């Protein structure tokens, strides 16, 4: 009897392992097909997201296994009051699928840069909403609210380029849950060598960056999610011709907004608080771009 029991347990474990292997292979097949298309030149053109059709759709039966049936109906998939979201764009019916693909690094940086605001302005786009946001917004404390707080997502990005080449990166900033104030954000780029090499040099001189927008106001997330409670930031960079091959980190501190931005917001009558006290660092960034600078083609080094 004991031998038969062990045999049954072994059979159950083996069948479960086969099922999860099939599921992983199925999803990897979708991703592999998309990545192959990307290798043929997806970064060479502007990606259009007006109808979110710029990706290979995951078959519904696989998608339901990954998302769960409650997220398959095209709605918000929770019971929070609709009034919380009244200032936001219309909810995209495929948001849960897009959010899954972003969270699993399916899209290129150029595709993230082109992602429509109707997706990233929704709280459900961010994994933290399901971990803590639904509970916080559904059961708010009666005696206190958040004065400030924000997050960066996906926060860590990885790009590769040779000296003289350009790269693109995109990140999303969003107010924390139950924050009642607008927050002034001014991004201050920093650069460092990774791995502790060439610590005496200034890594920043090897990169020129365009940041759009560099200064912005993050809207409140309570008592409703303001339309401006999330912001996409796109960074377009160039690697200097004399940049030594190696690994670099470009990260962003939060500084004081410029006088020009302050005067503009004041003229618009927009009240806010400063977020400059939320210091960042390479090990705990709101936004960091890991840049692998490769040898020039034909230089004789590894590429």
C-alpha atoms as a PDB file:
ATOM      1  CA  UNK A   1       0.000   0.000   0.000  1.00  0.00           C
ATOM      2  CA  UNK A   2       2.786   2.415   0.844  1.00  0.00           C
ATOM      3  CA  UNK A   3       4.436   1.724  -2.519  1.00  0.00           C
ATOM      4  CA  UNK A   4       1.186   2.387  -4.376  1.00  0.00           C
ATOM      5  CA  UNK A   5       0.751   5.692  -2.474  1.00  0.00           C
ATOM      6  CA  UNK A   6       4.236   6.810  -3.423  1.00  0.00           C
ATOM      7  CA  UNK A   7       3.538   5.850  -7.030  1.00  0.00           C
ATOM      8  CA  UNK A   8       0.360   7.930  -7.131  1.00  0.00           C
ATOM      9  CA  UNK A   9       2.157  10.950  -5.634  1.00  0.00           C
ATOM     10  CA  UNK A  10       4.928  10.604  -8.193  1.00  0.00           C
ATOM     11  CA  UNK A  11       2.359  10.453 -11.047  1.00  0.00           C
ATOM     12  CA  UNK A  12       0.583  13.607  -9.797  1.00  0.00           C
ATOM     13  CA  UNK A  13       3.880  15.509  -9.491  1.00  0.00           C
ATOM     14  CA  UNK A  14       4.965  14.378 -12.961  1.00  0.00           C
ATOM     15  CA  UNK A  15       1.664  15.458 -14.555  1.00  0.00           C
ATOM     16  CA  UNK A  16       1.860  18.864 -12.834  1.00  0.00           C
ATOM     17  CA  UNK A  17       5.416  19.366 -14.061  1.00  0.00           C
ATOM     18  CA  UNK A  18       4.372  18.492 -17.615  1.00  0.00           C
ATOM     19  CA  UNK A  19       1.483  21.002 -17.465  1.00  0.00           C
ATOM     20  CA  UNK A  20       3.639  23.901 -16.284  1.00  0.00           C
ATOM     21  CA  UNK A  21       6.319  23.024 -18.827  1.00  0.00           C
ATOM     22  CA  UNK A  22       3.684  23.208 -21.585  1.00  0.00           C
ATOM     23  CA  UNK A  23       2.372  26.532 -20.248  1.00  0.00           C
ATOM     24  CA  UNK A  24       5.837  28.097 -20.117  1.00  0.00           C
ATOM     25  CA  UNK A  25       6.692  26.831 -23.584  1.00  0.00           C
ATOM     26  CA  UNK A  26       3.427  28.189 -24.985  1.00  0.00           C
ATOM     27  CA  UNK A  27       4.029  31.659 -23.601  1.00  0.00           C
ATOM     28  CA  UNK A  28       7.685  31.585 -24.624  1.00  0.00           C
ATOM     29  CA  UNK A  29       6.565  30.736 -28.146  1.00  0.00           C
ATOM     30  CA  UNK A  30       4.498  33.919 -28.345  1.00  0.00           C
ATOM     31  CA  UNK A  31       7.353  36.002 -26.998  1.00  0.00           C
ATOM     32  CA  UNK A  32       9.849  34.329 -29.298  1.00  0.00           C
ATOM     33  CA  UNK A  33       7.755  35.148 -32.351  1.00  0.00           C
ATOM     34  CA  UNK A  34       7.485  38.802 -31.304  1.00  0.00           C
ATOM     35  CA  UNK A  35      11.194  39.140 -30.521  1.00  0.00           C
ATOM     36  CA  UNK A  36      12.051  37.673 -33.918  1.00  0.00           C
ATOM     37  CA  UNK A  37       9.904  40.343 -35.588  1.00  0.00           C
ATOM     38  CA  UNK A  38      11.680  42.974 -33.503  1.00  0.00           C
ATOM     39  CA  UNK A  39      15.049  41.733 -34.724  1.00  0.00           C
ATOM     40  CA  UNK A  40      13.911  42.455 -38.282  1.00  0.00           C
ATOM     41  CA  UNK A  41      13.586  46.160 -37.652  1.00  0.00           C
ATOM     42  CA  UNK A  42      10.807  47.105 -35.212  1.00  0.00           C
ATOM     43  CA  UNK A  43      13.083  49.819 -33.756  1.00  0.00           C
ATOM     44  CA  UNK A  44      13.610  51.380 -37.168  1.00  0.00           C
ATOM     45  CA  UNK A  45      10.091  52.838 -37.364  1.00  0.00           C
ATOM     46  CA  UNK A  46       7.750  54.739 -35.069  1.00  0.00           C
ATOM     47  CA  UNK A  47       5.423  52.316 -33.295  1.00  0.00           C
ATOM     48  CA  UNK A  48       1.743  53.257 -33.444  1.00  0.00           C
ATOM     49  CA  UNK A  49      -0.411  52.417 -30.442  1.00  0.00           C
ATOM     50  CA  UNK A  50      -3.722  54.047 -31.378  1.00  0.00           C
ATOM     51  CA  UNK A  51      -5.480  50.682 -31.335  1.00  0.00           C
ATOM     52  CA  UNK A  52      -2.876  48.688 -29.356  1.00  0.00           C
ATOM     53  CA  UNK A  53      -2.439  46.351 -32.326  1.00  0.00           C
ATOM     54  CA  UNK A  54       1.362  46.585 -32.476  1.00  0.00           C
ATOM     55  CA  UNK A  55       1.914  43.220 -30.792  1.00  0.00           C
ATOM     56  CA  UNK A  56       1.161  39.593 -31.479  1.00  0.00           C
ATOM     57  CA  UNK A  57      -1.925  38.706 -29.451  1.00  0.00           C
ATOM     58  CA  UNK A  58      -1.690  35.850 -26.960  1.00  0.00           C
ATOM     59  CA  UNK A  59      -4.400  33.223 -27.608  1.00  0.00           C
ATOM     60  CA  UNK A  60      -7.279  33.607 -25.139  1.00  0.00           C
ATOM     61  CA  UNK A  61      -6.893  30.170 -23.576  1.00  0.00           C
ATOM     62  CA  UNK A  62      -3.249  30.866 -22.700  1.00  0.00           C
ATOM     63  CA  UNK A  63      -3.983  34.414 -21.601  1.00  0.00           C
ATOM     64  CA  UNK A  64      -6.671  33.247 -19.163  1.00  0.00           C
ATOM     65  CA  UNK A  65      -4.216  30.835 -17.564  1.00  0.00           C
ATOM     66  CA  UNK A  66      -1.728  33.677 -17.033  1.00  0.00           C
ATOM     67  CA  UNK A  67      -4.128  36.450 -15.995  1.00  0.00           C
ATOM     68  CA  UNK A  68      -6.976  34.581 -14.343  1.00  0.00           C
ATOM     69  CA  UNK A  69     -10.605  34.615 -15.524  1.00  0.00           C
ATOM     70  CA  UNK A  70     -11.518  37.788 -13.601  1.00  0.00           C
ATOM     71  CA  UNK A  71      -9.279  39.888 -15.896  1.00  0.00           C
ATOM     72  CA  UNK A  72     -10.608  38.456 -19.156  1.00  0.00           C
ATOM     73  CA  UNK A  73     -13.770  40.560 -19.379  1.00  0.00           C
ATOM     74  CA  UNK A  74     -12.110  43.793 -20.456  1.00  0.00           C
ATOM     75  CA  UNK A  75     -13.033  45.671 -17.257  1.00  0.00           C
ATOM     76  CA  UNK A  76     -11.161  46.844 -14.186  1.00  0.00           C
ATOM     77  CA  UNK A  77     -11.562  43.460 -12.397  1.00  0.00           C
ATOM     78  CA  UNK A  78     -12.119  44.864  -8.897  1.00  0.00           C
ATOM     79  CA  UNK A  79     -14.957  46.376  -6.878  1.00  0.00           C
ATOM     80  CA  UNK A  80     -13.605  49.868  -6.193  1.00  0.00           C
ATOM     81  CA  UNK A  81     -15.986  52.758  -6.791  1.00  0.00           C
ATOM     82  CA  UNK A  82     -16.043  53.945 -10.436  1.00  0.00           C
ATOM     83  CA  UNK A  83     -15.928  57.537  -9.144  1.00  0.00           C
ATOM     84  CA  UNK A  84     -12.258  57.010  -8.202  1.00  0.00           C
ATOM     85  CA  UNK A  85     -11.394  56.731 -11.900  1.00  0.00           C
ATOM     86  CA  UNK A  86     -13.776  59.340 -13.324  1.00  0.00           C
ATOM     87  CA  UNK A  87     -10.985  61.755 -14.381  1.00  0.00           C
ATOM     88  CA  UNK A  88      -8.976  59.098 -16.266  1.00  0.00           C
ATOM     89  CA  UNK A  89      -9.141  58.109 -19.950  1.00  0.00           C
ATOM     90  CA  UNK A  90     -11.501  55.334 -20.999  1.00  0.00           C
ATOM     91  CA  UNK A  91     -10.301  51.935 -19.796  1.00  0.00           C
ATOM     92  CA  UNK A  92      -8.721  49.954 -22.693  1.00  0.00           C
ATOM     93  CA  UNK A  93     -10.333  46.502 -23.003  1.00  0.00           C
ATOM     94  CA  UNK A  94      -6.916  44.839 -23.464  1.00  0.00           C
ATOM     95  CA  UNK A  95      -5.169  46.694 -20.624  1.00  0.00           C
ATOM     96  CA  UNK A  96      -4.567  43.575 -18.511  1.00  0.00           C
ATOM     97  CA  UNK A  97      -2.863  41.859 -21.438  1.00  0.00           C
ATOM     98  CA  UNK A  98      -0.701  44.897 -22.212  1.00  0.00           C
ATOM     99  CA  UNK A  99       0.215  45.254 -18.513  1.00  0.00           C
ATOM    100  CA  UNK A 100       1.273  41.598 -18.420  1.00  0.00           C
ATOM    101  CA  UNK A 101       3.475  42.030 -21.483  1.00  0.00           C
ATOM    102  CA  UNK A 102       5.108  45.171 -20.060  1.00  0.00           C
ATOM    103  CA  UNK A 103       5.751  43.392 -16.756  1.00  0.00           C
ATOM    104  CA  UNK A 104       7.425  40.467 -18.560  1.00  0.00           C
ATOM    105  CA  UNK A 105       9.725  42.733 -20.647  1.00  0.00           C
ATOM    106  CA  UNK A 106       7.986  41.794 -23.888  1.00  0.00           C
ATOM    107  CA  UNK A 107       8.163  45.250 -25.475  1.00  0.00           C
ATOM    108  CA  UNK A 108      11.216  47.093 -26.733  1.00  0.00           C
ATOM    109  CA  UNK A 109      12.155  50.452 -25.256  1.00  0.00           C
ATOM    110  CA  UNK A 110      10.907  52.141 -28.433  1.00  0.00           C
ATOM    111  CA  UNK A 111       7.554  50.417 -28.030  1.00  0.00           C
ATOM    112  CA  UNK A 112       7.307  51.541 -24.396  1.00  0.00           C
ATOM    113  CA  UNK A 113       8.044  55.079 -25.555  1.00  0.00           C
ATOM    114  CA  UNK A 114       5.098  54.871 -27.943  1.00  0.00           C
ATOM    115  CA  UNK A 115       2.619  53.354 -25.483  1.00  0.00           C
ATOM    116  CA  UNK A 116      -0.625  55.325 -25.425  1.00  0.00           C
ATOM    117  CA  UNK A 117      -1.569  57.314 -22.316  1.00  0.00           C
ATOM    118  CA  UNK A 118      -4.868  55.433 -22.012  1.00  0.00           C
ATOM    119  CA  UNK A 119      -2.806  52.484 -20.699  1.00  0.00           C
ATOM    120  CA  UNK A 120      -0.189  53.979 -18.386  1.00  0.00           C
ATOM    121  CA  UNK A 121      -2.574  56.462 -16.763  1.00  0.00           C
ATOM    122  CA  UNK A 122      -4.630  53.559 -15.360  1.00  0.00           C
ATOM    123  CA  UNK A 123      -3.669  52.351 -11.839  1.00  0.00           C
ATOM    124  CA  UNK A 124      -4.276  48.765 -12.991  1.00  0.00           C
ATOM    125  CA  UNK A 125      -1.300  49.101 -15.342  1.00  0.00           C
ATOM    126  CA  UNK A 126       1.071  48.964 -12.334  1.00  0.00           C
ATOM    127  CA  UNK A 127       1.733  45.647 -10.502  1.00  0.00           C
ATOM    128  CA  UNK A 128       1.754  47.430  -7.130  1.00  0.00           C
ATOM    129  CA  UNK A 129      -1.923  48.286  -7.533  1.00  0.00           C
ATOM    130  CA  UNK A 130      -2.843  44.618  -7.174  1.00  0.00           C
ATOM    131  CA  UNK A 131      -0.373  44.054  -4.331  1.00  0.00           C
ATOM    132  CA  UNK A 132      -1.437  46.972  -2.139  1.00  0.00           C
ATOM    133  CA  UNK A 133      -3.382  49.620  -4.046  1.00  0.00           C
ATOM    134  CA  UNK A 134      -6.760  47.878  -4.182  1.00  0.00           C
ATOM    135  CA  UNK A 135      -6.710  47.263  -0.432  1.00  0.00           C
ATOM    136  CA  UNK A 136      -5.514  50.792   0.372  1.00  0.00           C
ATOM    137  CA  UNK A 137      -8.048  52.518  -1.874  1.00  0.00           C
ATOM    138  CA  UNK A 138     -10.874  50.243  -0.781  1.00  0.00           C
ATOM    139  CA  UNK A 139     -10.205  50.627   2.962  1.00  0.00           C
ATOM    140  CA  UNK A 140      -8.665  54.081   3.448  1.00  0.00           C
ATOM    141  CA  UNK A 141      -7.737  55.155   6.990  1.00  0.00           C
ATOM    142  CA  UNK A 142     -10.219  57.607   8.418  1.00  0.00           C
ATOM    143  CA  UNK A 143      -7.733  59.895  10.148  1.00  0.00           C
ATOM    144  CA  UNK A 144      -4.768  60.366   7.797  1.00  0.00           C
ATOM    145  CA  UNK A 145      -3.804  60.555   4.115  1.00  0.00           C
ATOM    146  CA  UNK A 146      -0.585  60.578   2.166  1.00  0.00           C
ATOM    147  CA  UNK A 147       1.078  63.969   1.757  1.00  0.00           C
ATOM    148  CA  UNK A 148       3.506  62.697  -0.885  1.00  0.00           C
ATOM    149  CA  UNK A 149       4.910  59.580  -2.486  1.00  0.00           C
ATOM    150  CA  UNK A 150       5.649  58.248  -5.947  1.00  0.00           C
ATOM    151  CA  UNK A 151       6.991  55.233  -7.816  1.00  0.00           C
ATOM    152  CA  UNK A 152       8.897  54.559 -11.021  1.00  0.00           C
ATOM    153  CA  UNK A 153       8.017  51.637 -13.294  1.00  0.00           C
ATOM    154  CA  UNK A 154       9.551  49.454 -14.689  1.00  0.00           C
ATOM    155  CA  UNK A 155      12.413  51.376 -12.948  1.00  0.00           C
ATOM    156  CA  UNK A 156      15.279  49.291 -14.423  1.00  0.00           C
ATOM    157  CA  UNK A 157      16.040  49.309 -18.150  1.00  0.00           C
ATOM    158  CA  UNK A 158      18.794  47.671 -20.221  1.00  0.00           C
ATOM    159  CA  UNK A 159      20.111  48.966 -23.546  1.00  0.00           C
ATOM    160  CA  UNK A 160      23.156  48.270 -25.669  1.00  0.00           C
ATOM    161  CA  UNK A 161      24.988  50.638 -28.026  1.00  0.00           C
ATOM    162  CA  UNK A 162      28.381  51.283 -29.597  1.00  0.00           C
ATOM    163  CA  UNK A 163      30.277  54.596 -29.406  1.00  0.00           C
ATOM    164  CA  UNK A 164      28.510  57.168 -31.566  1.00  0.00           C
ATOM    165  CA  UNK A 165      25.178  55.323 -31.497  1.00  0.00           C
ATOM    166  CA  UNK A 166      21.818  56.434 -30.094  1.00  0.00           C
ATOM    167  CA  UNK A 167      19.431  54.676 -27.714  1.00  0.00           C
ATOM    168  CA  UNK A 168      15.909  55.220 -26.379  1.00  0.00           C
ATOM    169  CA  UNK A 169      14.377  54.411 -22.998  1.00  0.00           C
ATOM    170  CA  UNK A 170      10.980  55.070 -21.410  1.00  0.00           C
ATOM    171  CA  UNK A 171       9.787  54.944 -17.805  1.00  0.00           C
ATOM    172  CA  UNK A 172       6.499  55.659 -16.049  1.00  0.00           C
ATOM    173  CA  UNK A 173       6.143  57.712 -12.866  1.00  0.00           C
ATOM    174  CA  UNK A 174       2.972  57.495 -10.775  1.00  0.00           C
ATOM    175  CA  UNK A 175       1.726  58.888  -7.478  1.00  0.00           C
ATOM    176  CA  UNK A 176       1.488  56.510  -4.546  1.00  0.00           C
ATOM    177  CA  UNK A 177      -1.909  55.479  -3.207  1.00  0.00           C
ATOM    178  CA  UNK A 178      -3.983  57.945  -1.156  1.00  0.00           C
ATOM    179  CA  UNK A 179      -1.742  60.945  -1.936  1.00  0.00           C
ATOM    180  CA  UNK A 180      -3.748  64.174  -1.701  1.00  0.00           C
ATOM    181  CA  UNK A 181      -1.153  66.628  -3.108  1.00  0.00           C
ATOM    182  CA  UNK A 182       0.239  67.318  -6.537  1.00  0.00           C
ATOM    183  CA  UNK A 183       3.994  66.782  -6.581  1.00  0.00           C
ATOM    184  CA  UNK A 184       6.562  68.753  -8.536  1.00  0.00           C
ATOM    185  CA  UNK A 185       9.094  66.434 -10.180  1.00  0.00           C
ATOM    186  CA  UNK A 186      12.386  67.598 -11.716  1.00  0.00           C
ATOM    187  CA  UNK A 187      14.658  64.853 -13.031  1.00  0.00           C
ATOM    188  CA  UNK A 188      18.416  65.248 -12.565  1.00  0.00           C
ATOM    189  CA  UNK A 189      20.430  62.674 -14.556  1.00  0.00           C
ATOM    190  CA  UNK A 190      23.540  61.059 -13.100  1.00  0.00           C
ATOM    191  CA  UNK A 191      25.936  58.520 -14.607  1.00  0.00           C
ATOM    192  CA  UNK A 192      28.290  55.997 -13.064  1.00  0.00           C
ATOM    193  CA  UNK A 193      30.522  53.133 -14.102  1.00  0.00           C
ATOM    194  CA  UNK A 194      29.117  49.800 -12.993  1.00  0.00           C
ATOM    195  CA  UNK A 195      31.318  47.248 -11.309  1.00  0.00           C
ATOM    196  CA  UNK A 196      33.584  49.794  -9.633  1.00  0.00           C
ATOM    197  CA  UNK A 197      35.909  50.266 -12.614  1.00  0.00           C
ATOM    198  CA  UNK A 198      37.376  53.650 -13.650  1.00  0.00           C
ATOM    199  CA  UNK A 199      35.890  55.216 -10.523  1.00  0.00           C
ATOM    200  CA  UNK A 200      38.095  58.283 -10.892  1.00  0.00           C
ATOM    201  CA  UNK A 201      36.533  59.322 -14.210  1.00  0.00           C
ATOM    202  CA  UNK A 202      33.317  61.202 -14.854  1.00  0.00           C
ATOM    203  CA  UNK A 203      31.019  58.724 -16.621  1.00  0.00           C
ATOM    204  CA  UNK A 204      28.487  61.447 -17.445  1.00  0.00           C
ATOM    205  CA  UNK A 205      30.744  62.972 -20.105  1.00  0.00           C
ATOM    206  CA  UNK A 206      30.239  59.917 -22.298  1.00  0.00           C
ATOM    207  CA  UNK A 207      26.493  60.510 -22.729  1.00  0.00           C
ATOM    208  CA  UNK A 208      24.275  63.276 -24.055  1.00  0.00           C
ATOM    209  CA  UNK A 209      20.618  62.991 -23.048  1.00  0.00           C
ATOM    210  CA  UNK A 210      17.278  64.436 -24.070  1.00  0.00           C
ATOM    211  CA  UNK A 211      14.605  63.971 -21.360  1.00  0.00           C
ATOM    212  CA  UNK A 212      10.956  64.596 -22.173  1.00  0.00           C
ATOM    213  CA  UNK A 213       9.435  65.833 -19.997  1.00  0.00           C
ATOM    214  CA  UNK A 214      12.185  66.684 -17.543  1.00  0.00           C
ATOM    215  CA  UNK A 215       9.860  68.622 -15.211  1.00  0.00           C
ATOM    216  CA  UNK A 216       6.222  67.825 -14.538  1.00  0.00           C
ATOM    217  CA  UNK A 217       3.504  67.722 -11.895  1.00  0.00           C
ATOM    218  CA  UNK A 218       2.219  64.367 -10.696  1.00  0.00           C
ATOM    219  CA  UNK A 219      -1.455  64.651  -9.814  1.00  0.00           C
ATOM    220  CA  UNK A 220      -3.125  63.473  -6.632  1.00  0.00           C
ATOM    221  CA  UNK A 221      -4.453  59.929  -6.266  1.00  0.00           C
ATOM    222  CA  UNK A 222      -7.085  60.734  -3.618  1.00  0.00           C
ATOM    223  CA  UNK A 223     -10.039  61.276  -3.313  1.00  0.00           C
ATOM    224  CA  UNK A 224      -9.935  60.531  -7.068  1.00  0.00           C
ATOM    225  CA  UNK A 225      -7.141  59.633  -9.451  1.00  0.00           C
ATOM    226  CA  UNK A 226      -6.367  62.901 -11.211  1.00  0.00           C
ATOM    227  CA  UNK A 227      -5.702  62.671 -14.942  1.00  0.00           C
ATOM    228  CA  UNK A 228      -2.082  63.715 -14.308  1.00  0.00           C
ATOM    229  CA  UNK A 229      -1.407  61.149 -11.557  1.00  0.00           C
ATOM    230  CA  UNK A 230       0.972  59.280 -13.911  1.00  0.00           C
ATOM    231  CA  UNK A 231       3.551  60.522 -16.410  1.00  0.00           C
ATOM    232  CA  UNK A 232       5.594  58.827 -19.119  1.00  0.00           C
ATOM    233  CA  UNK A 233       9.200  60.009 -19.429  1.00  0.00           C
ATOM    234  CA  UNK A 234      11.137  59.276 -22.627  1.00  0.00           C
ATOM    235  CA  UNK A 235      14.942  59.513 -22.666  1.00  0.00           C
ATOM    236  CA  UNK A 236      16.839  59.668 -25.952  1.00  0.00           C
ATOM    237  CA  UNK A 237      20.575  59.323 -25.527  1.00  0.00           C
ATOM    238  CA  UNK A 238      23.767  59.296 -27.549  1.00  0.00           C
ATOM    239  CA  UNK A 239      27.001  57.542 -26.630  1.00  0.00           C
ATOM    240  CA  UNK A 240      30.143  59.644 -27.105  1.00  0.00           C
ATOM    241  CA  UNK A 241      32.558  58.619 -29.826  1.00  0.00           C
ATOM    242  CA  UNK A 242      35.336  58.156 -27.246  1.00  0.00           C
ATOM    243  CA  UNK A 243      33.294  56.164 -24.707  1.00  0.00           C
ATOM    244  CA  UNK A 244      35.306  53.163 -23.439  1.00  0.00           C
ATOM    245  CA  UNK A 245      33.520  49.807 -23.795  1.00  0.00           C
ATOM    246  CA  UNK A 246      31.935  48.661 -20.559  1.00  0.00           C
ATOM    247  CA  UNK A 247      28.822  48.861 -18.405  1.00  0.00           C
ATOM    248  CA  UNK A 248      27.338  52.157 -17.232  1.00  0.00           C
ATOM    249  CA  UNK A 249      24.324  53.227 -15.182  1.00  0.00           C
ATOM    250  CA  UNK A 250      22.361  56.378 -15.920  1.00  0.00           C
ATOM    251  CA  UNK A 251      20.000  57.132 -13.061  1.00  0.00           C
ATOM    252  CA  UNK A 252      17.850  60.048 -12.027  1.00  0.00           C
ATOM    253  CA  UNK A 253      17.698  62.048  -8.823  1.00  0.00           C
ATOM    254  CA  UNK A 254      14.755  64.316  -8.031  1.00  0.00           C
ATOM    255  CA  UNK A 255      15.795  67.964  -7.808  1.00  0.00           C
ATOM    256  CA  UNK A 256      14.207  71.374  -7.384  1.00  0.00           C
ATOM    257  CA  UNK A 257      12.085  72.511 -10.343  1.00  0.00           C
ATOM    258  CA  UNK A 258      13.398  75.375 -12.442  1.00  0.00           C
ATOM    259  CA  UNK A 259      12.196  78.937 -11.933  1.00  0.00           C
ATOM    260  CA  UNK A 260      10.575  78.787 -15.358  1.00  0.00           C
ATOM    261  CA  UNK A 261       8.500  75.730 -14.372  1.00  0.00           C
ATOM    262  CA  UNK A 262       7.552  77.286 -11.011  1.00  0.00           C
ATOM    263  CA  UNK A 263       6.338  80.462 -12.693  1.00  0.00           C
ATOM    264  CA  UNK A 264       4.351  78.463 -15.254  1.00  0.00           C
ATOM    265  CA  UNK A 265       2.619  76.329 -12.617  1.00  0.00           C
ATOM    266  CA  UNK A 266       1.943  79.352 -10.422  1.00  0.00           C
ATOM    267  CA  UNK A 267       0.417  81.233 -13.372  1.00  0.00           C
ATOM    268  CA  UNK A 268      -1.875  78.267 -13.977  1.00  0.00           C
ATOM    269  CA  UNK A 269      -2.928  78.329 -10.326  1.00  0.00           C
ATOM    270  CA  UNK A 270      -1.692  74.784  -9.778  1.00  0.00           C
ATOM    271  CA  UNK A 271      -0.794  74.066  -6.147  1.00  0.00           C
ATOM    272  CA  UNK A 272       1.872  71.458  -5.448  1.00  0.00           C
ATOM    273  CA  UNK A 273       4.638  70.296  -3.124  1.00  0.00           C
ATOM    274  CA  UNK A 274       8.237  69.520  -4.036  1.00  0.00           C
ATOM    275  CA  UNK A 275       9.431  65.920  -4.371  1.00  0.00           C
ATOM    276  CA  UNK A 276      13.145  66.809  -4.289  1.00  0.00           C
ATOM    277  CA  UNK A 277      13.623  65.138  -0.903  1.00  0.00           C
ATOM    278  CA  UNK A 278      13.031  61.718  -2.461  1.00  0.00           C
ATOM    279  CA  UNK A 279      16.669  60.975  -3.287  1.00  0.00           C
ATOM    280  CA  UNK A 280      17.457  58.197  -5.738  1.00  0.00           C
ATOM    281  CA  UNK A 281      20.532  56.000  -6.071  1.00  0.00           C
ATOM    282  CA  UNK A 282      21.782  53.310  -8.472  1.00  0.00           C
ATOM    283  CA  UNK A 283      20.834  50.533  -6.020  1.00  0.00           C
ATOM    284  CA  UNK A 284      17.301  51.879  -5.338  1.00  0.00           C
ATOM    285  CA  UNK A 285      16.324  53.923  -8.351  1.00  0.00           C
ATOM    286  CA  UNK A 286      13.087  55.493  -9.478  1.00  0.00           C
ATOM    287  CA  UNK A 287      14.565  55.110 -12.934  1.00  0.00           C
ATOM    288  CA  UNK A 288      17.912  53.675 -14.053  1.00  0.00           C
ATOM    289  CA  UNK A 289      19.180  52.829 -17.532  1.00  0.00           C
ATOM    290  CA  UNK A 290      21.910  50.186 -17.648  1.00  0.00           C
ATOM    291  CA  UNK A 291      23.917  50.921 -20.784  1.00  0.00           C
ATOM    292  CA  UNK A 292      26.261  48.307 -22.195  1.00  0.00           C
ATOM    293  CA  UNK A 293      28.748  50.095 -24.460  1.00  0.00           C
ATOM    294  CA  UNK A 294      30.155  47.584 -26.930  1.00  0.00           C
ATOM    295  CA  UNK A 295      33.312  47.606 -29.018  1.00  0.00           C
ATOM    296  CA  UNK A 296      33.043  49.332 -32.384  1.00  0.00           C
ATOM    297  CA  UNK A 297      32.175  47.030 -35.250  1.00  0.00           C
ATOM    298  CA  UNK A 298      35.347  45.846 -36.953  1.00  0.00           C
ATOM    299  CA  UNK A 299      37.606  47.015 -34.123  1.00  0.00           C
ATOM    300  CA  UNK A 300      38.832  43.512 -33.404  1.00  0.00           C
ATOM    301  CA  UNK A 301      37.250  43.387 -29.925  1.00  0.00           C
ATOM    302  CA  UNK A 302      34.283  41.370 -28.845  1.00  0.00           C
ATOM    303  CA  UNK A 303      30.889  42.633 -30.045  1.00  0.00           C
END
